[in-house]
Amino acid sequence: MMTHKELIAKMRSQPGYKEKYDEAAPEFELLRKMLEARKRAGLTQEQVAEKMGTKATAITRLESANSEHSPKVETLRRYAEAVGCRLNIELIPD
């Protein structure tokens, strides 16, 4: 059986890995910030769901890197409000 470290090394050696990794970086950064905000607010996924008027499974999908769809801006705004934040989207020049 391959260790986690070995698996990562194998993945990194694959052609196109860096490009795919760099492409996904903003999504992972958003997910990290969402989890930090929820933790800072001291809320569970169930509590956030209740504040948003949805189900905990929807929050699980929203906070998951395995999601096959991008959330709407309105959903992100409601999530931000539920965890005591405001949504700020910006475009940063290269």
N, C-alpha and C. Protein backbone atom coordinates (compact mmCIF):
# COMPACT_ATOMS: atom_id res chain seq x y z
N MET A 1 0.85 -1.18 0.00
CA MET A 1 0.00 0.00 0.00
C MET A 1 0.89 1.24 0.00
N MET A 2 0.47 2.23 -0.77
CA MET A 2 1.21 3.47 -0.91
C MET A 2 0.88 4.42 0.24
N THR A 3 1.89 5.10 0.75
CA THR A 3 1.64 6.09 1.80
C THR A 3 1.09 7.37 1.16
N HIS A 4 0.56 8.24 1.98
CA HIS A 4 0.03 9.51 1.49
C HIS A 4 1.15 10.32 0.82
N LYS A 5 2.30 10.34 1.43
CA LYS A 5 3.45 11.08 0.90
C LYS A 5 3.85 10.53 -0.47
N GLU A 6 3.85 9.23 -0.61
CA GLU A 6 4.20 8.59 -1.89
C GLU A 6 3.15 8.91 -2.95
N LEU A 7 1.89 8.90 -2.55
CA LEU A 7 0.81 9.20 -3.49
C LEU A 7 0.93 10.63 -4.00
N ILE A 8 1.21 11.57 -3.11
CA ILE A 8 1.38 12.97 -3.51
C ILE A 8 2.56 13.10 -4.47
N ALA A 9 3.66 12.44 -4.16
CA ALA A 9 4.83 12.49 -5.04
C ALA A 9 4.50 11.93 -6.41
N LYS A 10 3.76 10.84 -6.46
CA LYS A 10 3.36 10.24 -7.73
C LYS A 10 2.46 11.19 -8.52
N MET A 11 1.51 11.81 -7.83
CA MET A 11 0.61 12.74 -8.50
C MET A 11 1.37 13.93 -9.06
N ARG A 12 2.32 14.45 -8.29
CA ARG A 12 3.10 15.61 -8.73
C ARG A 12 3.95 15.31 -9.95
N SER A 13 4.29 14.06 -10.16
CA SER A 13 5.12 13.69 -11.30
C SER A 13 4.30 13.53 -12.59
N GLN A 14 2.99 13.56 -12.48
CA GLN A 14 2.13 13.40 -13.65
C GLN A 14 2.15 14.67 -14.51
N PRO A 15 2.13 14.49 -15.84
CA PRO A 15 2.08 15.66 -16.72
C PRO A 15 0.81 16.47 -16.47
N GLY A 16 0.95 17.78 -16.43
CA GLY A 16 -0.20 18.66 -16.25
C GLY A 16 -0.63 18.86 -14.81
N TYR A 17 0.05 18.20 -13.86
CA TYR A 17 -0.35 18.32 -12.45
C TYR A 17 -0.28 19.77 -11.97
N LYS A 18 0.85 20.44 -12.22
CA LYS A 18 1.03 21.81 -11.72
C LYS A 18 -0.04 22.74 -12.27
N GLU A 19 -0.35 22.60 -13.55
CA GLU A 19 -1.36 23.46 -14.16
C GLU A 19 -2.73 23.24 -13.50
N LYS A 20 -3.10 21.98 -13.29
CA LYS A 20 -4.39 21.67 -12.65
C LYS A 20 -4.40 22.15 -11.20
N TYR A 21 -3.28 21.97 -10.51
CA TYR A 21 -3.18 22.41 -9.12
C TYR A 21 -3.34 23.93 -9.04
N ASP A 22 -2.63 24.64 -9.90
CA ASP A 22 -2.70 26.11 -9.90
C ASP A 22 -4.11 26.58 -10.26
N GLU A 23 -4.77 25.87 -11.16
CA GLU A 23 -6.12 26.22 -11.57
C GLU A 23 -7.11 26.08 -10.41
N ALA A 24 -6.91 25.09 -9.56
CA ALA A 24 -7.82 24.83 -8.44
C ALA A 24 -7.49 25.66 -7.20
N ALA A 25 -6.35 26.32 -7.17
CA ALA A 25 -5.90 27.04 -5.97
C ALA A 25 -6.91 28.06 -5.44
N PRO A 26 -7.55 28.88 -6.29
CA PRO A 26 -8.52 29.84 -5.75
C PRO A 26 -9.70 29.17 -5.06
N GLU A 27 -10.17 28.05 -5.60
CA GLU A 27 -11.28 27.33 -4.98
C GLU A 27 -10.87 26.80 -3.61
N PHE A 28 -9.68 26.22 -3.51
CA PHE A 28 -9.21 25.71 -2.23
C PHE A 28 -9.03 26.83 -1.21
N GLU A 29 -8.58 27.99 -1.68
CA GLU A 29 -8.42 29.14 -0.78
C GLU A 29 -9.78 29.58 -0.25
N LEU A 30 -10.79 29.63 -1.12
CA LEU A 30 -12.14 30.00 -0.69
C LEU A 30 -12.65 28.99 0.34
N LEU A 31 -12.48 27.71 0.07
CA LEU A 31 -12.94 26.67 1.01
C LEU A 31 -12.25 26.82 2.37
N ARG A 32 -10.94 27.08 2.35
CA ARG A 32 -10.20 27.27 3.60
C ARG A 32 -10.76 28.44 4.38
N LYS A 33 -11.04 29.54 3.68
CA LYS A 33 -11.57 30.73 4.36
C LYS A 33 -12.98 30.47 4.90
N MET A 34 -13.78 29.73 4.17
CA MET A 34 -15.13 29.42 4.65
C MET A 34 -15.07 28.59 5.93
N LEU A 35 -14.23 27.58 5.94
CA LEU A 35 -14.10 26.73 7.14
C LEU A 35 -13.56 27.53 8.33
N GLU A 36 -12.59 28.40 8.07
CA GLU A 36 -12.06 29.25 9.14
C GLU A 36 -13.14 30.16 9.71
N ALA A 37 -13.96 30.73 8.83
CA ALA A 37 -15.03 31.64 9.29
C ALA A 37 -16.06 30.90 10.12
N ARG A 38 -16.42 29.70 9.67
CA ARG A 38 -17.41 28.92 10.44
C ARG A 38 -16.84 28.54 11.80
N LYS A 39 -15.58 28.15 11.80
CA LYS A 39 -14.94 27.76 13.07
C LYS A 39 -14.84 28.97 14.00
N ARG A 40 -14.46 30.11 13.45
CA ARG A 40 -14.35 31.34 14.24
C ARG A 40 -15.70 31.72 14.83
N ALA A 41 -16.77 31.46 14.09
CA ALA A 41 -18.12 31.77 14.57
C ALA A 41 -18.62 30.73 15.56
N GLY A 42 -17.89 29.62 15.69
CA GLY A 42 -18.28 28.58 16.64
C GLY A 42 -19.53 27.83 16.22
N LEU A 43 -19.74 27.69 14.92
CA LEU A 43 -20.96 27.07 14.42
C LEU A 43 -20.68 25.71 13.78
N THR A 44 -21.66 24.83 13.88
CA THR A 44 -21.60 23.56 13.16
C THR A 44 -22.23 23.76 11.78
N GLN A 45 -22.05 22.78 10.92
CA GLN A 45 -22.70 22.85 9.62
C GLN A 45 -24.22 22.90 9.77
N GLU A 46 -24.73 22.16 10.75
CA GLU A 46 -26.17 22.16 10.99
C GLU A 46 -26.67 23.56 11.39
N GLN A 47 -25.90 24.24 12.21
CA GLN A 47 -26.30 25.58 12.66
C GLN A 47 -26.25 26.58 11.50
N VAL A 48 -25.23 26.46 10.66
CA VAL A 48 -25.14 27.35 9.49
C VAL A 48 -26.32 27.08 8.56
N ALA A 49 -26.63 25.81 8.35
CA ALA A 49 -27.76 25.43 7.50
C ALA A 49 -29.06 26.04 8.03
N GLU A 50 -29.25 25.96 9.33
CA GLU A 50 -30.47 26.52 9.94
C GLU A 50 -30.55 28.02 9.69
N LYS A 51 -29.44 28.72 9.86
CA LYS A 51 -29.41 30.17 9.65
C LYS A 51 -29.67 30.52 8.18
N MET A 52 -29.26 29.63 7.28
CA MET A 52 -29.45 29.88 5.85
C MET A 52 -30.78 29.36 5.33
N GLY A 53 -31.50 28.61 6.17
CA GLY A 53 -32.77 28.04 5.73
C GLY A 53 -32.60 26.89 4.76
N THR A 54 -31.57 26.07 5.00
CA THR A 54 -31.30 24.93 4.13
C THR A 54 -30.96 23.72 4.98
N LYS A 55 -30.49 22.66 4.34
CA LYS A 55 -30.14 21.43 5.06
C LYS A 55 -28.62 21.34 5.26
N ALA A 56 -28.22 20.61 6.29
CA ALA A 56 -26.80 20.44 6.59
C ALA A 56 -26.06 19.80 5.42
N THR A 57 -26.72 18.92 4.67
CA THR A 57 -26.06 18.29 3.53
C THR A 57 -25.67 19.33 2.47
N ALA A 58 -26.47 20.39 2.35
CA ALA A 58 -26.13 21.46 1.41
C ALA A 58 -24.86 22.18 1.85
N ILE A 59 -24.70 22.36 3.16
CA ILE A 59 -23.50 23.01 3.68
C ILE A 59 -22.29 22.09 3.49
N THR A 60 -22.49 20.81 3.70
CA THR A 60 -21.41 19.85 3.48
C THR A 60 -20.92 19.94 2.04
N ARG A 61 -21.86 19.97 1.09
CA ARG A 61 -21.48 20.08 -0.33
C ARG A 61 -20.78 21.41 -0.59
N LEU A 62 -21.29 22.48 -0.01
CA LEU A 62 -20.73 23.81 -0.21
C LEU A 62 -19.28 23.88 0.29
N GLU A 63 -19.01 23.22 1.41
CA GLU A 63 -17.67 23.25 2.01
C GLU A 63 -16.75 22.15 1.47
N SER A 64 -17.22 21.41 0.49
CA SER A 64 -16.46 20.27 -0.02
C SER A 64 -15.68 20.62 -1.27
N ALA A 65 -14.44 20.20 -1.31
CA ALA A 65 -13.61 20.39 -2.50
C ALA A 65 -14.02 19.43 -3.60
N ASN A 66 -14.87 18.46 -3.30
CA ASN A 66 -15.30 17.49 -4.29
C ASN A 66 -16.58 17.91 -5.01
N SER A 67 -17.03 19.10 -4.74
CA SER A 67 -18.28 19.57 -5.35
C SER A 67 -18.12 19.65 -6.86
N GLU A 68 -19.16 19.24 -7.57
CA GLU A 68 -19.11 19.27 -9.03
C GLU A 68 -19.74 20.54 -9.60
N HIS A 69 -20.17 21.42 -8.75
CA HIS A 69 -20.75 22.67 -9.23
C HIS A 69 -20.22 23.83 -8.40
N SER A 70 -20.21 24.98 -9.02
CA SER A 70 -19.79 26.19 -8.31
C SER A 70 -21.00 26.83 -7.67
N PRO A 71 -20.86 27.28 -6.43
CA PRO A 71 -22.00 27.92 -5.77
C PRO A 71 -22.30 29.29 -6.38
N LYS A 72 -23.54 29.70 -6.30
CA LYS A 72 -23.94 31.02 -6.75
C LYS A 72 -23.41 32.06 -5.77
N VAL A 73 -23.19 33.26 -6.25
CA VAL A 73 -22.73 34.35 -5.39
C VAL A 73 -23.72 34.58 -4.26
N GLU A 74 -25.01 34.48 -4.54
CA GLU A 74 -26.03 34.68 -3.50
C GLU A 74 -25.88 33.64 -2.39
N THR A 75 -25.56 32.41 -2.75
CA THR A 75 -25.36 31.36 -1.74
C THR A 75 -24.14 31.68 -0.88
N LEU A 76 -23.07 32.14 -1.50
CA LEU A 76 -21.87 32.52 -0.74
C LEU A 76 -22.17 33.70 0.18
N ARG A 77 -22.98 34.65 -0.30
CA ARG A 77 -23.35 35.79 0.53
C ARG A 77 -24.15 35.35 1.75
N ARG A 78 -25.10 34.45 1.55
CA ARG A 78 -25.90 33.94 2.66
C ARG A 78 -25.04 33.16 3.65
N TYR A 79 -24.09 32.37 3.14
CA TYR A 79 -23.17 31.63 4.00
C TYR A 79 -22.35 32.62 4.83
N ALA A 80 -21.81 33.64 4.17
CA ALA A 80 -21.00 34.65 4.87
C ALA A 80 -21.80 35.29 6.00
N GLU A 81 -23.03 35.68 5.71
CA GLU A 81 -23.88 36.29 6.74
C GLU A 81 -24.14 35.32 7.89
N ALA A 82 -24.35 34.05 7.56
CA ALA A 82 -24.64 33.04 8.59
C ALA A 82 -23.48 32.86 9.56
N VAL A 83 -22.26 33.07 9.07
CA VAL A 83 -21.08 32.90 9.94
C VAL A 83 -20.54 34.24 10.43
N GLY A 84 -21.34 35.28 10.29
CA GLY A 84 -20.97 36.60 10.83
C GLY A 84 -19.94 37.34 10.00
N CYS A 85 -19.97 37.15 8.70
CA CYS A 85 -19.03 37.82 7.80
C CYS A 85 -19.79 38.52 6.69
N ARG A 86 -19.07 39.24 5.86
CA ARG A 86 -19.66 39.77 4.63
C ARG A 86 -18.81 39.26 3.48
N LEU A 87 -19.44 39.05 2.37
CA LEU A 87 -18.76 38.53 1.18
C LEU A 87 -18.08 39.66 0.44
N ASN A 88 -16.83 39.45 0.06
CA ASN A 88 -16.08 40.42 -0.70
C ASN A 88 -15.40 39.67 -1.84
N ILE A 89 -15.81 39.96 -3.06
CA ILE A 89 -15.20 39.32 -4.22
C ILE A 89 -14.39 40.38 -4.95
N GLU A 90 -13.18 40.03 -5.31
CA GLU A 90 -12.35 41.00 -6.01
C GLU A 90 -11.58 40.35 -7.14
N LEU A 91 -11.25 41.15 -8.12
CA LEU A 91 -10.41 40.71 -9.23
C LEU A 91 -9.04 41.32 -9.03
N ILE A 92 -8.02 40.49 -9.06
CA ILE A 92 -6.66 40.93 -8.79
C ILE A 92 -5.85 40.82 -10.08
N PRO A 93 -5.30 41.93 -10.56
CA PRO A 93 -4.51 41.87 -11.80
C PRO A 93 -3.27 40.98 -11.64
N ASP A 94 -2.92 40.31 -12.70
CA ASP A 94 -1.69 39.47 -12.69
C ASP A 94 -0.48 40.34 -12.74
